N, C-alpha and C. Protein backbone atom coordinates (compact mmCIF):
# COMPACT_ATOMS: atom_id res chain seq x y z
N UNK A 1 22.84 5.54 47.51
CA UNK A 1 21.63 6.01 47.07
C UNK A 1 21.42 6.14 45.30
N UNK A 2 22.41 7.04 44.86
CA UNK A 2 22.40 6.91 43.43
C UNK A 2 22.63 5.36 42.55
N UNK A 3 23.14 4.42 43.40
CA UNK A 3 23.54 3.34 42.76
C UNK A 3 21.84 2.57 42.76
N UNK A 4 21.04 2.93 43.84
CA UNK A 4 19.53 2.59 43.56
C UNK A 4 18.75 3.10 42.84
N UNK A 5 19.07 4.52 42.32
CA UNK A 5 18.01 5.46 41.97
C UNK A 5 18.27 5.12 40.31
N UNK A 6 19.89 4.90 39.89
CA UNK A 6 19.93 4.60 38.12
C UNK A 6 19.37 3.47 37.69
N UNK A 7 19.33 2.49 38.23
CA UNK A 7 18.69 1.02 37.76
C UNK A 7 17.02 1.53 38.01
N UNK A 8 16.66 2.19 38.81
CA UNK A 8 15.09 2.47 38.52
C UNK A 8 14.73 3.54 37.10
N UNK A 9 15.80 4.55 37.01
CA UNK A 9 15.26 5.08 35.99
C UNK A 9 15.74 4.46 34.40
N UNK A 10 16.50 3.73 34.80
CA UNK A 10 16.98 2.93 33.23
C UNK A 10 15.42 2.16 33.01
N UNK A 11 15.23 1.39 34.12
CA UNK A 11 13.76 0.49 33.92
C UNK A 11 12.52 1.50 33.46
N UNK A 12 12.50 2.02 34.17
CA UNK A 12 11.34 3.45 33.75
C UNK A 12 11.21 4.00 32.28
N UNK A 13 12.49 3.82 31.86
CA UNK A 13 12.88 4.52 30.43
C UNK A 13 12.23 3.42 29.47
N UNK A 14 12.72 2.24 29.74
CA UNK A 14 12.62 0.95 28.89
C UNK A 14 10.94 0.81 29.10
N UNK A 15 10.08 1.07 30.26
CA UNK A 15 8.99 0.71 30.24
C UNK A 15 8.03 2.02 29.61
N UNK A 16 8.58 2.86 29.34
CA UNK A 16 7.61 4.17 28.66
C UNK A 16 7.28 3.78 27.08
N UNK A 17 6.35 4.06 26.64
CA UNK A 17 5.77 3.83 25.21
C UNK A 17 7.10 4.62 24.37
N UNK A 18 7.21 4.00 23.17
CA UNK A 18 8.08 4.58 22.34
C UNK A 18 6.92 5.40 21.38
N UNK A 19 7.06 6.85 21.32
CA UNK A 19 6.45 7.65 20.44
C UNK A 19 6.44 7.31 19.11
N UNK A 20 7.37 6.60 18.51
CA UNK A 20 7.63 6.09 17.32
C UNK A 20 6.57 4.98 16.83
N UNK A 21 6.15 4.40 17.98
CA UNK A 21 5.48 3.19 17.68
C UNK A 21 3.99 3.28 18.46
N UNK A 22 3.63 4.34 18.67
CA UNK A 22 2.06 4.92 19.15
C UNK A 22 1.56 4.29 17.81
N UNK A 23 0.21 3.83 18.35
CA UNK A 23 -0.75 3.13 17.34
C UNK A 23 -1.57 4.39 16.98
N UNK A 24 -1.88 4.58 15.53
CA UNK A 24 -2.62 5.64 14.62
C UNK A 24 -4.07 5.25 15.52
N UNK A 25 -4.83 6.81 15.26
CA UNK A 25 -6.21 6.57 15.62
C UNK A 25 -7.18 5.47 14.79
N UNK A 26 -7.64 4.98 15.74
CA UNK A 26 -8.74 4.07 14.50
C UNK A 26 -10.36 4.60 14.57
N UNK A 27 -10.59 4.25 13.23
CA UNK A 27 -11.87 5.01 12.71
C UNK A 27 -12.80 3.72 12.28
N UNK A 28 -13.94 3.99 12.85
CA UNK A 28 -15.05 3.00 12.26
C UNK A 28 -16.06 3.51 11.18
N UNK A 29 -16.38 2.64 10.02
CA UNK A 29 -17.11 3.45 8.91
C UNK A 29 -18.44 3.59 9.35
N UNK A 30 -18.76 4.80 8.39
CA UNK A 30 -20.10 5.19 8.85
C UNK A 30 -21.12 4.64 7.36
N UNK A 31 -21.63 3.47 7.13
CA UNK A 31 -21.97 2.89 6.28
C UNK A 31 -23.12 3.83 5.41
N UNK A 32 -23.83 4.54 6.11
CA UNK A 32 -24.69 5.32 5.71
C UNK A 32 -24.56 6.11 4.94
N UNK A 33 -22.93 6.83 5.08
CA UNK A 33 -22.59 8.00 4.21
C UNK A 33 -21.12 7.78 3.73
N UNK A 34 -21.13 6.22 3.18
CA UNK A 34 -19.87 5.87 2.46
C UNK A 34 -20.20 4.87 1.45
N UNK A 35 -19.58 5.12 0.23
CA UNK A 35 -19.91 4.27 -1.04
C UNK A 35 -18.61 3.65 -1.81
N UNK A 36 -18.88 2.58 -2.17
CA UNK A 36 -17.78 2.44 -3.64
C UNK A 36 -18.54 2.41 -4.93
N UNK A 37 -18.38 3.18 -5.76
CA UNK A 37 -18.69 3.07 -6.87
C UNK A 37 -17.73 2.63 -7.99
N UNK A 38 -18.48 1.83 -9.22
CA UNK A 38 -17.20 1.99 -10.40
C UNK A 38 -18.14 2.22 -11.85
N UNK A 39 -17.11 2.81 -12.54
CA UNK A 39 -18.04 3.03 -13.94
C UNK A 39 -17.15 2.04 -14.87
N UNK A 40 -17.94 1.67 -15.99
CA UNK A 40 -17.42 0.85 -16.95
C UNK A 40 -17.99 1.23 -18.32
N UNK A 41 -17.39 1.12 -19.43
CA UNK A 41 -18.13 1.57 -20.69
C UNK A 41 -18.82 -0.07 -21.23
N UNK A 42 -20.01 0.48 -21.74
CA UNK A 42 -20.77 -0.65 -22.54
C UNK A 42 -21.03 0.03 -23.98
N UNK A 43 -20.01 -0.40 -25.00
CA UNK A 43 -20.33 0.05 -26.22
C UNK A 43 -20.06 1.76 -26.16
N UNK A 44 -21.16 2.49 -26.10
CA UNK A 44 -20.58 3.92 -26.13
C UNK A 44 -21.00 4.73 -24.89
N UNK A 45 -22.12 3.99 -24.04
CA UNK A 45 -22.36 4.64 -22.99
C UNK A 45 -21.70 4.08 -21.45
N UNK A 46 -21.52 4.78 -20.70
CA UNK A 46 -20.90 4.48 -19.24
C UNK A 46 -21.67 4.34 -18.26
N UNK A 47 -21.73 3.06 -17.63
CA UNK A 47 -22.37 2.58 -16.83
C UNK A 47 -22.15 2.53 -15.31
N UNK A 48 -22.77 2.99 -14.45
CA UNK A 48 -22.45 3.04 -13.08
C UNK A 48 -23.04 2.21 -12.08
N UNK A 49 -22.44 1.73 -11.30
CA UNK A 49 -22.65 0.54 -10.46
C UNK A 49 -22.16 1.04 -9.03
N UNK A 50 -22.54 0.11 -8.14
CA UNK A 50 -21.64 0.56 -6.84
C UNK A 50 -21.72 -0.90 -6.05
N UNK A 51 -21.32 -1.19 -4.64
CA UNK A 51 -21.21 -2.33 -3.98
C UNK A 51 -21.88 -1.90 -2.97
N UNK A 52 -22.93 -2.31 -2.29
CA UNK A 52 -23.79 -2.01 -1.39
C UNK A 52 -23.26 -2.27 0.17
N UNK A 53 -22.23 -3.51 0.38
CA UNK A 53 -21.89 -4.24 1.43
C UNK A 53 -20.41 -4.43 1.45
N UNK A 54 -19.84 -3.51 2.34
CA UNK A 54 -18.41 -3.86 2.39
C UNK A 54 -18.10 -3.62 3.83
N UNK A 55 -16.73 -3.40 4.52
CA UNK A 55 -16.37 -3.64 5.90
C UNK A 55 -14.76 -2.82 5.11
N UNK A 56 -14.34 -1.74 6.41
CA UNK A 56 -13.20 -1.61 6.38
C UNK A 56 -12.55 -1.56 7.64
N UNK A 57 -11.25 -1.49 8.15
CA UNK A 57 -10.58 -1.53 9.22
C UNK A 57 -9.40 -0.13 8.94
N UNK A 58 -9.82 0.42 9.84
CA UNK A 58 -9.05 2.26 9.61
C UNK A 58 -8.49 2.26 10.73
N UNK A 59 -7.22 2.81 10.37
CA UNK A 59 -6.26 3.43 11.41
C UNK A 59 -5.28 4.53 11.23
N UNK A 60 -5.78 5.59 11.23
CA UNK A 60 -5.07 6.69 10.51
C UNK A 60 -4.83 7.78 11.21
N UNK A 61 -3.40 8.33 11.15
CA UNK A 61 -3.29 9.58 11.88
C UNK A 61 -1.95 10.29 10.86
N UNK A 62 -2.22 11.34 10.05
CA UNK A 62 -1.61 12.32 9.28
C UNK A 62 0.04 12.17 9.90
N UNK A 63 -0.05 12.61 11.31
CA UNK A 63 1.09 12.59 11.77
C UNK A 63 1.81 11.27 12.11
N UNK A 64 1.31 10.06 11.77
CA UNK A 64 1.74 8.76 12.17
C UNK A 64 1.27 7.81 11.07
N UNK A 65 2.14 8.30 9.94
CA UNK A 65 1.59 7.23 8.82
C UNK A 65 2.23 5.89 9.06
N UNK A 66 3.10 5.68 9.76
CA UNK A 66 4.00 4.68 9.76
C UNK A 66 3.37 3.35 10.35
N UNK A 67 2.26 4.09 11.32
CA UNK A 67 1.35 3.24 12.23
C UNK A 67 -0.02 3.05 11.72
N UNK A 68 -0.36 3.87 10.44
CA UNK A 68 -1.39 4.15 9.64
C UNK A 68 -1.66 2.79 8.82
N UNK A 69 -3.10 2.36 8.38
CA UNK A 69 -3.28 1.27 7.96
C UNK A 69 -4.67 1.27 7.42
N UNK A 70 -4.95 0.71 6.31
CA UNK A 70 -6.44 0.53 5.73
C UNK A 70 -6.50 -0.63 5.40
N UNK A 71 -7.83 -1.42 5.42
CA UNK A 71 -8.00 -2.73 4.82
C UNK A 71 -9.61 -2.73 4.46
N UNK A 72 -10.14 -3.20 3.37
CA UNK A 72 -11.23 -2.95 2.79
C UNK A 72 -11.67 -4.88 2.77
N UNK A 73 -12.74 -4.98 2.71
CA UNK A 73 -13.46 -6.20 2.43
C UNK A 73 -14.85 -6.07 1.57
N UNK A 74 -14.89 -6.34 0.47
CA UNK A 74 -16.13 -6.24 -0.09
C UNK A 74 -16.85 -7.24 -0.95
N UNK A 75 -18.03 -7.20 -0.28
CA UNK A 75 -19.30 -8.24 -0.44
C UNK A 75 -19.35 -8.37 -2.21
N UNK A 76 -18.86 -9.26 -2.89
CA UNK A 76 -19.05 -9.07 -4.44
C UNK A 76 -20.72 -9.20 -5.06
N UNK A 77 -21.21 -10.22 -3.95
CA UNK A 77 -22.86 -10.55 -4.59
C UNK A 77 -23.38 -9.17 -4.25
N UNK A 78 -23.09 -7.83 -3.60
CA UNK A 78 -23.61 -7.15 -3.36
C UNK A 78 -23.66 -5.91 -4.29
N UNK A 79 -23.24 -6.47 -5.42
CA UNK A 79 -23.21 -5.25 -6.85
C UNK A 79 -24.35 -4.99 -7.26
N UNK A 80 -24.60 -3.72 -7.47
CA UNK A 80 -25.91 -3.09 -7.86
C UNK A 80 -25.42 -2.22 -9.02
N UNK A 81 -25.91 -2.19 -10.08
CA UNK A 81 -26.22 -1.46 -11.01
C UNK A 81 -27.26 -0.91 -11.37
N UNK A 82 -28.83 -1.11 -10.42
CA UNK A 82 -30.05 -1.00 -10.89
C UNK A 82 -30.85 -1.76 -11.56
N UNK A 83 -30.36 -2.88 -12.34
CA UNK A 83 -30.77 -3.64 -13.42
C UNK A 83 -30.59 -4.59 -13.11
N UNK A 84 -31.62 -5.48 -12.52
CA UNK A 84 -31.53 -6.77 -12.03
C UNK A 84 -30.88 -7.80 -13.22
N UNK A 85 -31.11 -8.34 -13.92
CA UNK A 85 -30.75 -9.15 -14.96
C UNK A 85 -29.05 -8.84 -14.92
N UNK A 86 -28.61 -7.72 -15.30
CA UNK A 86 -27.50 -7.56 -15.42
C UNK A 86 -26.54 -7.67 -14.02
N UNK A 87 -27.16 -7.42 -13.17
CA UNK A 87 -26.33 -7.59 -11.95
C UNK A 87 -26.29 -8.93 -11.57
N UNK A 88 -27.43 -10.02 -11.89
CA UNK A 88 -27.26 -11.37 -12.02
C UNK A 88 -26.07 -12.12 -12.57
N UNK A 89 -25.86 -11.42 -14.11
CA UNK A 89 -25.14 -11.71 -15.02
C UNK A 89 -23.53 -11.54 -14.51
N UNK A 90 -23.51 -10.30 -13.75
CA UNK A 90 -21.99 -9.71 -13.09
C UNK A 90 -21.69 -10.93 -12.01
N UNK A 91 -22.51 -11.42 -11.06
CA UNK A 91 -22.29 -12.28 -10.22
C UNK A 91 -22.26 -13.84 -10.69
N UNK A 92 -22.59 -13.78 -12.14
CA UNK A 92 -21.97 -15.40 -12.60
C UNK A 92 -20.56 -15.38 -13.00
N UNK A 93 -20.31 -16.76 -13.45
CA UNK A 93 -18.71 -17.12 -13.51
C UNK A 93 -18.63 -16.34 -14.80
N UNK A 94 -19.45 -15.48 -15.45
CA UNK A 94 -18.78 -14.74 -16.69
C UNK A 94 -17.90 -13.69 -15.96
N UNK A 95 -18.06 -13.11 -14.95
CA UNK A 95 -17.68 -12.07 -14.04
C UNK A 95 -17.21 -12.45 -12.80
N UNK A 96 -18.08 -11.93 -11.61
CA UNK A 96 -17.10 -12.16 -10.30
C UNK A 96 -17.46 -13.68 -10.25
N UNK A 97 -18.23 -14.49 -10.21
CA UNK A 97 -18.08 -15.81 -9.90
C UNK A 97 -18.67 -15.64 -8.35
N UNK A 98 -19.32 -15.48 -7.91
CA UNK A 98 -19.55 -15.21 -6.35
C UNK A 98 -20.06 -16.41 -5.62
N UNK A 99 -20.03 -17.10 -6.12
CA UNK A 99 -20.29 -18.54 -5.37
C UNK A 99 -19.42 -19.02 -5.05
N UNK A 100 -18.01 -18.76 -5.95
CA UNK A 100 -16.70 -19.16 -5.59
C UNK A 100 -15.76 -18.34 -4.99
N UNK A 101 -15.80 -16.88 -5.52
CA UNK A 101 -14.87 -16.02 -5.02
C UNK A 101 -16.26 -14.98 -4.12
N UNK A 102 -16.60 -15.00 -3.00
CA UNK A 102 -17.45 -14.29 -2.56
C UNK A 102 -17.01 -12.73 -2.31
N UNK A 103 -15.63 -12.59 -2.07
CA UNK A 103 -15.20 -11.30 -1.36
C UNK A 103 -14.16 -10.98 -2.45
N UNK A 104 -13.88 -9.37 -2.30
CA UNK A 104 -12.55 -8.76 -2.89
C UNK A 104 -12.14 -8.17 -1.75
N UNK A 105 -10.91 -8.20 -1.81
CA UNK A 105 -10.27 -7.03 -0.56
C UNK A 105 -8.80 -6.50 -0.81
N UNK A 106 -8.50 -5.49 -0.13
CA UNK A 106 -7.22 -4.86 -0.05
C UNK A 106 -6.67 -4.58 1.26
N UNK A 107 -5.41 -4.65 1.32
CA UNK A 107 -4.66 -4.59 2.54
C UNK A 107 -3.58 -3.58 2.08
N UNK A 108 -3.42 -2.79 2.94
CA UNK A 108 -2.50 -1.69 2.97
C UNK A 108 -1.05 -2.12 3.34
N UNK A 109 -0.24 -1.51 3.01
CA UNK A 109 1.52 -2.14 3.24
C UNK A 109 2.02 -0.67 3.68
N UNK A 110 1.75 0.55 2.81
CA UNK A 110 2.53 1.45 3.36
C UNK A 110 1.53 2.68 2.66
N UNK A 111 1.58 3.88 3.78
CA UNK A 111 0.86 5.25 3.40
C UNK A 111 1.78 6.41 3.24
N UNK A 112 1.52 6.90 2.15
CA UNK A 112 2.56 7.97 1.97
C UNK A 112 2.16 9.43 2.11
N UNK A 113 2.50 10.76 2.43
CA UNK A 113 2.12 11.73 1.92
C UNK A 113 2.49 12.75 1.07
N UNK A 114 1.76 12.87 -0.12
CA UNK A 114 2.15 13.56 -1.24
C UNK A 114 2.16 15.03 -1.18
N UNK A 115 1.46 15.47 -1.04
CA UNK A 115 1.38 17.02 -0.83
C UNK A 115 -0.24 17.68 -0.21
N UNK A 116 -0.24 18.54 0.63
CA UNK A 116 -1.50 19.33 1.18
C UNK A 116 -2.30 18.16 1.85
N UNK A 117 -3.41 18.17 1.03
CA UNK A 117 -4.45 16.96 1.42
C UNK A 117 -4.23 15.50 0.73
N UNK A 118 -3.41 15.52 -0.20
CA UNK A 118 -3.16 14.22 -0.82
C UNK A 118 -2.16 13.35 -0.47
N UNK A 119 -2.44 12.24 -0.34
CA UNK A 119 -1.60 10.61 0.10
C UNK A 119 -2.00 9.84 -0.82
N UNK A 120 -0.89 8.86 -0.64
CA UNK A 120 -1.25 7.44 -1.42
C UNK A 120 -0.84 6.51 -0.62
N UNK A 121 -1.77 5.38 -1.01
CA UNK A 121 -1.81 4.39 -0.21
C UNK A 121 -1.21 3.05 -1.16
N UNK A 122 -0.32 2.23 -0.71
CA UNK A 122 0.11 1.12 -1.40
C UNK A 122 -0.33 -0.31 -0.83
N UNK A 123 -0.54 -1.15 -1.97
CA UNK A 123 -1.03 -2.19 -0.76
C UNK A 123 -1.69 -3.68 -1.65
N UNK A 124 -2.08 -4.70 -1.40
CA UNK A 124 -2.16 -5.76 -2.14
C UNK A 124 -3.50 -5.74 -2.45
N UNK A 125 -4.41 -5.56 -3.71
CA UNK A 125 -5.34 -6.05 -4.10
C UNK A 125 -5.93 -7.48 -4.69
N UNK A 126 -6.86 -7.88 -3.99
CA UNK A 126 -7.19 -9.25 -4.38
C UNK A 126 -8.61 -9.23 -4.82
N UNK A 127 -8.65 -9.92 -6.26
CA UNK A 127 -9.84 -9.78 -6.92
C UNK A 127 -9.97 -11.68 -7.13
N UNK A 128 -11.15 -12.28 -7.16
CA UNK A 128 -11.05 -13.69 -7.42
C UNK A 128 -9.70 -14.48 -6.74
N UNK A 129 -9.05 -15.04 -7.48
CA UNK A 129 -7.77 -15.66 -7.27
C UNK A 129 -6.20 -14.89 -7.43
N UNK A 130 -6.50 -13.66 -7.93
CA UNK A 130 -5.65 -12.84 -8.56
C UNK A 130 -5.09 -11.60 -7.23
N UNK A 131 -3.81 -11.61 -6.97
CA UNK A 131 -3.37 -10.39 -6.10
C UNK A 131 -2.59 -9.81 -6.86
N UNK A 132 -2.45 -8.74 -6.66
CA UNK A 132 -1.73 -7.65 -7.36
C UNK A 132 -1.42 -6.34 -6.54
N UNK A 133 -0.08 -5.78 -6.55
CA UNK A 133 0.06 -4.62 -5.56
C UNK A 133 -0.43 -3.54 -6.50
N UNK A 134 -1.06 -2.56 -5.74
CA UNK A 134 -1.89 -1.36 -6.11
C UNK A 134 -1.65 -0.08 -5.26
N UNK A 135 -1.23 0.88 -6.09
CA UNK A 135 -1.31 2.58 -5.25
C UNK A 135 -2.29 3.05 -5.53
N UNK A 136 -2.80 3.58 -4.57
CA UNK A 136 -3.99 4.51 -5.04
C UNK A 136 -3.99 5.93 -4.51
N UNK A 137 -4.23 6.94 -5.25
CA UNK A 137 -4.10 8.07 -4.42
C UNK A 137 -5.56 8.58 -3.51
N UNK A 138 -5.37 9.30 -2.58
CA UNK A 138 -6.27 9.64 -2.06
C UNK A 138 -6.29 11.20 -1.17
N UNK A 139 -7.39 11.46 -1.10
CA UNK A 139 -7.40 13.01 -0.36
C UNK A 139 -8.12 12.72 0.89
N UNK A 140 -7.79 13.16 1.97
CA UNK A 140 -8.08 13.37 3.17
C UNK A 140 -8.53 14.67 3.80
N UNK A 141 -9.53 14.67 3.86
CA UNK A 141 -10.29 16.20 4.31
C UNK A 141 -10.44 16.58 5.43
N UNK A 142 -9.67 15.94 6.45
CA UNK A 142 -9.65 16.21 7.71
C UNK A 142 -10.87 15.53 8.81
N UNK A 143 -10.79 16.09 9.77
CA UNK A 143 -11.85 15.85 10.85
C UNK A 143 -12.51 17.23 11.34
N UNK A 144 -13.87 16.82 11.67
CA UNK A 144 -14.59 17.79 12.31
C UNK A 144 -15.32 17.05 13.41
N UNK A 145 -16.03 17.79 14.15
CA UNK A 145 -17.29 17.38 15.08
C UNK A 145 -18.23 17.10 14.41
N UNK A 146 -18.88 15.91 14.95
CA UNK A 146 -20.09 15.47 14.57
C UNK A 146 -21.37 16.31 14.82
N UNK A 147 -21.74 17.22 13.75
CA UNK A 147 -23.09 17.88 14.27
C UNK A 147 -24.21 17.42 14.58
N UNK A 148 -24.39 16.01 14.12
CA UNK A 148 -25.42 15.19 14.45
C UNK A 148 -25.52 14.36 15.51
N UNK A 149 -23.90 14.03 16.36
CA UNK A 149 -23.70 13.22 17.54
C UNK A 149 -22.47 13.73 18.54
N UNK A 150 -23.14 14.34 19.42
CA UNK A 150 -22.00 14.83 20.65
C UNK A 150 -20.89 13.81 20.67
N UNK A 151 -19.82 14.14 20.98
CA UNK A 151 -18.63 13.41 21.40
C UNK A 151 -17.83 12.70 20.36
N UNK A 152 -18.43 12.63 19.12
CA UNK A 152 -17.90 11.79 18.06
C UNK A 152 -17.13 12.99 16.76
N UNK A 153 -16.05 12.31 16.27
CA UNK A 153 -15.38 12.87 15.37
C UNK A 153 -15.76 12.61 13.89
N UNK A 154 -15.75 13.16 12.98
CA UNK A 154 -15.86 12.66 11.67
C UNK A 154 -14.71 12.83 10.76
N UNK A 155 -14.08 11.93 9.93
CA UNK A 155 -13.27 12.19 9.05
C UNK A 155 -13.59 11.92 7.68
N UNK A 156 -12.84 12.48 6.85
CA UNK A 156 -13.40 12.26 5.16
C UNK A 156 -12.32 11.63 4.18
N UNK A 157 -12.61 10.72 3.49
CA UNK A 157 -11.58 10.36 2.60
C UNK A 157 -12.11 10.26 0.96
N UNK A 158 -11.77 10.38 0.26
CA UNK A 158 -12.34 10.15 -1.01
C UNK A 158 -10.77 9.92 -2.05
N UNK A 159 -11.03 8.63 -2.78
CA UNK A 159 -9.74 8.29 -3.51
C UNK A 159 -10.46 7.74 -5.10
N UNK A 160 -9.88 7.93 -5.95
CA UNK A 160 -10.25 7.52 -7.53
C UNK A 160 -9.36 6.72 -7.90
N UNK A 161 -9.38 5.69 -8.78
CA UNK A 161 -8.16 5.13 -9.44
C UNK A 161 -9.01 4.06 -10.51
N UNK A 162 -8.12 3.35 -11.31
CA UNK A 162 -8.51 2.62 -12.34
C UNK A 162 -7.78 1.19 -12.47
N UNK A 163 -8.70 0.25 -12.46
CA UNK A 163 -8.16 -1.14 -12.67
C UNK A 163 -8.57 -1.68 -14.11
N UNK A 164 -7.66 -2.74 -14.62
CA UNK A 164 -7.82 -3.64 -16.01
C UNK A 164 -8.80 -4.68 -15.25
N UNK A 165 -9.82 -5.07 -15.39
CA UNK A 165 -10.53 -6.25 -14.64
C UNK A 165 -10.35 -7.68 -15.31
N UNK A 166 -9.65 -7.43 -16.51
CA UNK A 166 -9.40 -8.76 -17.05
C UNK A 166 -8.13 -9.18 -16.49
N UNK A 167 -7.32 -8.43 -15.72
CA UNK A 167 -6.03 -8.64 -15.08
C UNK A 167 -6.18 -9.37 -13.71
N UNK A 168 -7.57 -9.01 -13.60
CA UNK A 168 -8.25 -9.98 -12.36
C UNK A 168 -9.06 -11.13 -12.50
N UNK A 169 -8.94 -11.30 -13.65
CA UNK A 169 -9.97 -12.67 -14.17
C UNK A 169 -11.75 -12.29 -13.96
N UNK A 170 -11.85 -10.94 -13.95
CA UNK A 170 -13.28 -10.56 -14.00
C UNK A 170 -13.74 -10.37 -15.61
N UNK A 171 -14.10 -11.74 -15.96
CA UNK A 171 -14.42 -11.90 -17.33
C UNK A 171 -13.18 -12.94 -18.02
N UNK A 172 -13.40 -13.12 -19.19
CA UNK A 172 -12.30 -13.70 -19.95
C UNK A 172 -12.09 -12.75 -21.10
N UNK A 173 -12.38 -12.24 -21.27
CA UNK A 173 -12.15 -11.12 -22.39
C UNK A 173 -13.17 -11.17 -23.77
N UNK A 174 -14.30 -12.07 -23.50
CA UNK A 174 -15.16 -12.28 -24.79
C UNK A 174 -16.17 -11.24 -25.09
N UNK A 175 -16.40 -10.41 -23.96
CA UNK A 175 -17.46 -9.20 -24.00
C UNK A 175 -16.60 -8.26 -24.42
N UNK A 176 -15.47 -8.28 -24.09
CA UNK A 176 -14.75 -7.03 -24.56
C UNK A 176 -14.50 -7.00 -26.12
N UNK A 177 -13.66 -8.32 -26.50
CA UNK A 177 -13.51 -8.47 -28.05
C UNK A 177 -14.77 -8.07 -28.76
N UNK A 178 -16.13 -8.55 -28.01
CA UNK A 178 -17.15 -8.10 -29.15
C UNK A 178 -17.65 -6.79 -29.11
N UNK A 179 -16.65 -5.62 -28.31
CA UNK A 179 -16.89 -4.44 -28.23
C UNK A 179 -18.21 -4.35 -27.22
N UNK A 180 -18.66 -4.87 -26.25
CA UNK A 180 -19.52 -4.41 -25.93
C UNK A 180 -19.23 -3.85 -24.12
N UNK A 181 -18.27 -4.68 -23.33
CA UNK A 181 -18.28 -4.12 -22.18
C UNK A 181 -16.55 -3.81 -22.43
N UNK A 182 -16.13 -2.87 -21.87
CA UNK A 182 -14.63 -2.16 -21.56
C UNK A 182 -13.80 -3.06 -20.57
N UNK A 183 -12.74 -3.13 -20.62
CA UNK A 183 -11.92 -3.66 -19.48
C UNK A 183 -11.34 -2.81 -18.63
N UNK A 184 -11.57 -1.38 -18.64
CA UNK A 184 -10.64 -0.55 -17.58
C UNK A 184 -12.03 -0.32 -17.03
N UNK A 185 -11.89 -0.37 -15.61
CA UNK A 185 -12.92 0.11 -14.44
C UNK A 185 -12.13 1.16 -13.54
N UNK A 186 -13.25 2.39 -13.74
CA UNK A 186 -12.96 3.36 -12.89
C UNK A 186 -13.84 3.30 -11.87
N UNK A 187 -13.03 3.47 -10.61
CA UNK A 187 -13.36 3.14 -9.03
C UNK A 187 -13.51 4.50 -8.51
N UNK A 188 -14.43 4.74 -7.71
CA UNK A 188 -14.25 6.04 -6.70
C UNK A 188 -14.49 5.29 -5.33
N UNK A 189 -14.21 5.63 -4.22
CA UNK A 189 -14.44 5.29 -2.97
C UNK A 189 -14.64 6.70 -2.21
N UNK A 190 -15.44 6.69 -1.49
CA UNK A 190 -16.00 7.99 -0.67
C UNK A 190 -16.51 7.69 0.62
N UNK A 191 -15.62 7.90 1.74
CA UNK A 191 -16.09 7.24 2.89
C UNK A 191 -16.06 8.54 4.06
N UNK A 192 -16.98 8.18 5.05
CA UNK A 192 -17.08 8.96 6.14
C UNK A 192 -16.55 7.98 7.23
N UNK A 193 -15.44 8.35 8.39
CA UNK A 193 -15.46 7.47 9.06
C UNK A 193 -15.53 8.16 10.67
N UNK A 194 -15.92 7.42 11.67
CA UNK A 194 -16.23 8.06 12.88
C UNK A 194 -15.34 7.56 13.93
N UNK A 195 -15.01 8.24 15.09
CA UNK A 195 -14.56 8.16 16.20
C UNK A 195 -14.87 8.75 17.29
N UNK A 196 -14.90 8.44 18.69
CA UNK A 196 -15.21 9.35 19.34
C UNK A 196 -13.85 9.93 20.16
N UNK A 197 -14.23 11.05 20.64
CA UNK A 197 -13.27 12.18 21.15
C UNK A 197 -12.22 11.52 21.91
């Protein structure tokens, strides 16, 4: 009897899912309440813009960071600074060259807890033909029931970081050397994500 039970117990253990490899919870973007902003200097003033179209793939669980991951894809043609001629210039070969490089993207490779509600995500940021490793600090605000939609949870994330646009080929430095457009871009990402209970 014992000889028959032992192999079944071993097989059952092998078939049980390893909790260390459990998938992190997947979240869907709420595009109406999520934004990607950027700020850059123009001579003395600060110009703020945004990207109106982007998509995300999110799997996040603060108790399972090894299986958590973030990915972004941003439509460069959706750049919007509320000035039509300037937006056309940003889409041109002088900056994003959207006819050749329509998207920029980020793919995480590691997410770490720093302290309290602060985390950092490391991954590859690609703009045009340049890909670089970037570590971005972010705040996870937690989750709550959606007061407007029964059976849905809402998660909140905010991140702020800075990049040198010239390192990614967004401009050749001409306007920077003239003292017109800065090279350092401050980026703010504010997201609400949704998931069924």
